[in-house]
N, C-alpha and C. Protein backbone atom coordinates (compact mmCIF):
# COMPACT_ATOMS: atom_id res chain seq x y z
N MET A 1 -4.60 6.65 -117.53
CA MET A 1 -4.29 7.39 -116.88
C MET A 1 -5.01 8.49 -117.41
N ALA A 2 -5.76 9.54 -116.17
CA ALA A 2 -6.82 10.53 -115.68
C ALA A 2 -5.96 11.99 -116.91
N SER A 3 -7.03 12.30 -117.43
CA SER A 3 -6.36 13.45 -118.21
C SER A 3 -7.75 14.66 -118.56
N SER A 4 -6.74 16.10 -118.24
CA SER A 4 -7.88 16.85 -118.29
C SER A 4 -8.29 17.32 -119.73
N ARG A 5 -7.46 17.06 -120.83
CA ARG A 5 -7.65 17.13 -121.92
C ARG A 5 -9.35 16.09 -122.80
N SER A 6 -9.20 16.54 -124.12
CA SER A 6 -10.37 16.28 -124.49
C SER A 6 -10.12 14.65 -124.27
N PRO A 7 -11.66 14.04 -124.14
CA PRO A 7 -11.16 12.80 -124.06
C PRO A 7 -11.12 12.05 -125.69
N ASN A 8 -11.15 12.69 -127.07
CA ASN A 8 -11.03 11.87 -128.06
C ASN A 8 -9.84 12.90 -128.80
N VAL A 9 -8.42 12.63 -128.22
CA VAL A 9 -6.90 13.34 -128.48
C VAL A 9 -6.59 12.58 -130.10
N ASN A 10 -7.28 12.06 -130.38
CA ASN A 10 -7.12 11.40 -131.76
C ASN A 10 -7.27 12.20 -132.95
N TYR A 11 -8.40 13.34 -132.68
CA TYR A 11 -8.59 14.37 -133.89
C TYR A 11 -7.50 15.36 -133.72
N ASN A 12 -7.38 16.64 -134.63
CA ASN A 12 -7.07 17.79 -134.22
C ASN A 12 -8.03 18.76 -134.70
N GLY A 13 -7.28 20.16 -134.14
CA GLY A 13 -9.17 20.80 -134.28
C GLY A 13 -9.57 21.15 -135.10
N SER A 14 -9.21 20.62 -136.68
CA SER A 14 -10.08 20.66 -137.36
C SER A 14 -11.07 19.68 -137.98
N GLY A 15 -10.63 18.49 -137.03
CA GLY A 15 -11.54 17.07 -137.01
C GLY A 15 -10.72 15.72 -137.50
N TYR A 16 -9.62 16.59 -138.23
CA TYR A 16 -8.83 15.45 -138.86
C TYR A 16 -8.11 14.98 -137.73
N LEU A 17 -8.03 12.77 -138.35
CA LEU A 17 -6.83 12.54 -137.54
C LEU A 17 -5.70 12.50 -136.95
N ASP A 18 -5.27 12.52 -136.39
CA ASP A 18 -3.40 13.93 -135.79
C ASP A 18 -2.44 12.72 -135.19
N VAL A 19 -2.50 11.54 -134.91
CA VAL A 19 -1.53 10.40 -134.51
C VAL A 19 -0.50 11.29 -133.75
N THR A 20 0.19 12.46 -134.91
CA THR A 20 1.58 12.67 -134.27
C THR A 20 1.33 13.48 -132.66
N ALA A 21 0.13 14.41 -132.97
CA ALA A 21 0.18 15.35 -132.26
C ALA A 21 -0.87 14.59 -130.76
N ARG A 22 -1.67 13.10 -130.91
CA ARG A 22 -1.56 12.35 -130.01
C ARG A 22 -1.28 12.27 -129.14
N ASP A 23 0.10 11.63 -130.09
CA ASP A 23 1.31 11.08 -129.31
C ASP A 23 2.23 12.11 -128.19
N ALA A 24 2.11 13.09 -128.62
CA ALA A 24 2.58 14.27 -128.36
C ALA A 24 1.67 14.56 -126.76
N ILE A 25 0.96 14.31 -126.82
CA ILE A 25 -0.54 14.93 -125.60
C ILE A 25 -0.34 13.82 -125.04
N ILE A 26 -0.06 12.67 -125.34
CA ILE A 26 0.25 11.75 -124.16
C ILE A 26 1.28 11.71 -123.62
N ASN A 27 2.33 11.61 -124.05
CA ASN A 27 3.46 11.49 -123.41
C ASN A 27 3.86 13.00 -122.59
N ALA A 28 3.42 14.49 -122.75
CA ALA A 28 3.29 15.13 -121.80
C ALA A 28 2.43 14.70 -121.16
N ASP A 29 1.44 13.99 -120.97
CA ASP A 29 0.62 13.71 -119.84
C ASP A 29 1.48 12.85 -118.91
N ARG A 30 1.94 11.99 -119.51
CA ARG A 30 2.62 11.04 -118.84
C ARG A 30 3.69 11.48 -118.06
N GLU A 31 4.45 12.85 -118.78
CA GLU A 31 6.01 13.04 -117.95
C GLU A 31 4.89 13.91 -116.92
N GLN A 32 4.06 14.49 -117.38
CA GLN A 32 3.45 15.42 -116.21
C GLN A 32 2.92 14.52 -115.07
N LEU A 33 2.72 13.64 -115.26
CA LEU A 33 2.08 12.05 -114.04
C LEU A 33 3.34 11.82 -113.00
N THR A 34 4.16 11.47 -114.22
CA THR A 34 5.97 10.84 -113.47
C THR A 34 6.32 12.20 -112.49
N GLU A 35 6.69 13.42 -113.13
CA GLU A 35 6.95 14.66 -112.02
C GLU A 35 5.80 14.67 -110.56
N ARG A 36 4.69 14.23 -110.73
CA ARG A 36 3.61 14.46 -109.65
C ARG A 36 3.99 13.53 -108.60
N ARG A 37 4.17 12.05 -109.49
CA ARG A 37 4.19 11.17 -108.53
C ARG A 37 5.58 11.22 -107.57
N LYS A 38 6.62 11.67 -108.67
CA LYS A 38 8.18 11.83 -107.79
C LYS A 38 8.31 12.86 -106.67
N ARG A 39 7.12 14.30 -107.31
CA ARG A 39 6.96 15.17 -105.63
C ARG A 39 6.63 13.94 -104.42
N VAL A 40 5.34 13.29 -104.97
CA VAL A 40 4.44 12.96 -103.64
C VAL A 40 5.94 12.34 -102.47
N MET A 41 6.41 10.78 -103.59
CA MET A 41 7.44 10.14 -102.80
C MET A 41 8.52 11.05 -102.45
N ASP A 42 8.55 11.82 -102.81
CA ASP A 42 9.99 12.67 -101.84
C ASP A 42 9.17 13.30 -100.66
N LYS A 43 8.37 13.28 -100.65
CA LYS A 43 7.15 14.18 -99.79
C LYS A 43 7.14 12.77 -98.20
N PHE A 44 7.06 11.87 -99.41
CA PHE A 44 7.04 10.78 -98.16
C PHE A 44 8.48 10.53 -97.81
N TYR A 45 9.21 10.09 -98.14
CA TYR A 45 10.28 10.07 -97.59
C TYR A 45 11.08 11.73 -96.91
N GLU A 46 10.65 12.10 -96.65
CA GLU A 46 10.59 13.86 -95.79
C GLU A 46 10.11 13.13 -95.14
N ILE A 47 9.00 13.32 -94.58
CA ILE A 47 8.08 12.78 -93.56
C ILE A 47 8.44 11.63 -92.59
N ALA A 48 9.28 10.53 -93.24
CA ALA A 48 9.58 9.22 -92.38
C ALA A 48 11.05 9.46 -92.07
N ALA A 49 11.21 10.56 -92.77
CA ALA A 49 13.01 10.60 -92.40
C ALA A 49 13.12 11.68 -91.02
N ALA A 50 11.81 12.66 -91.33
CA ALA A 50 11.86 13.98 -90.01
C ALA A 50 10.95 12.62 -88.87
N GLU A 51 10.61 11.77 -88.83
CA GLU A 51 9.94 10.75 -87.91
C GLU A 51 11.26 9.63 -87.71
N GLY A 52 12.00 9.60 -87.68
CA GLY A 52 13.08 8.91 -87.50
C GLY A 52 12.62 7.57 -88.23
N LEU A 53 11.97 7.70 -89.45
CA LEU A 53 12.08 5.94 -90.06
C LEU A 53 11.83 5.93 -91.27
N ARG A 54 12.37 5.08 -92.43
CA ARG A 54 12.27 4.92 -93.07
C ARG A 54 11.02 3.65 -94.26
N ILE A 55 10.73 3.92 -95.72
CA ILE A 55 10.02 3.31 -96.11
C ILE A 55 10.44 2.19 -96.92
N ASP A 56 10.47 1.20 -96.54
CA ASP A 56 10.38 -0.80 -96.84
C ASP A 56 10.04 -1.02 -97.64
N SER A 57 8.85 -1.01 -98.28
CA SER A 57 7.65 -1.93 -98.80
C SER A 57 7.60 -0.72 -99.96
N TYR A 58 7.02 -1.47 -101.07
CA TYR A 58 6.21 -0.80 -101.78
C TYR A 58 5.00 -0.12 -101.73
N ILE A 59 4.98 1.10 -102.28
CA ILE A 59 4.13 2.11 -101.98
C ILE A 59 3.20 1.77 -103.57
N LYS A 60 2.33 1.80 -103.59
CA LYS A 60 1.32 2.94 -104.73
C LYS A 60 0.30 3.18 -105.00
N LEU A 61 0.54 4.14 -105.90
CA LEU A 61 0.63 5.53 -106.41
C LEU A 61 -0.60 5.91 -107.54
N SER A 62 -2.30 5.73 -107.50
CA SER A 62 -2.91 5.85 -108.48
C SER A 62 -3.87 7.36 -108.15
N GLU A 63 -4.36 7.88 -109.75
CA GLU A 63 -5.65 8.65 -109.19
C GLU A 63 -6.59 8.58 -108.91
N ILE A 64 -7.45 9.45 -108.00
CA ILE A 64 -8.60 9.20 -107.50
C ILE A 64 -9.33 9.36 -108.62
N GLY A 65 -9.98 8.48 -108.97
CA GLY A 65 -11.23 8.39 -109.91
C GLY A 65 -10.63 7.61 -110.96
N ASP A 66 -9.08 7.71 -111.42
CA ASP A 66 -8.79 6.77 -112.08
C ASP A 66 -9.43 5.20 -112.54
N GLU A 67 -10.61 4.81 -113.00
CA GLU A 67 -11.08 3.24 -113.39
C GLU A 67 -9.58 2.22 -113.36
N GLU A 68 -8.68 2.87 -114.19
CA GLU A 68 -8.46 1.88 -114.51
C GLU A 68 -7.41 1.20 -113.75
N ASN A 69 -7.10 1.25 -111.93
CA ASN A 69 -5.95 1.65 -111.26
C ASN A 69 -6.76 0.99 -110.04
N VAL A 70 -7.88 1.02 -109.98
CA VAL A 70 -8.84 0.58 -108.94
C VAL A 70 -8.69 -1.13 -108.68
């Protein structure tokens, strides 16, 4: 998952390992990405319905530049 945050979220501002903060950041990023995907899928369904079509198969969304999902 692509994140705009510091590449090393394991450490807090003081330089100490902070697992709780890391987990909170990862969960917030995941929730934000989930909401973005829901908005995009809703737009796909709206466009299809407006054109008299329906989506029958799987649609995979991945972030541009996200090397894990290539």
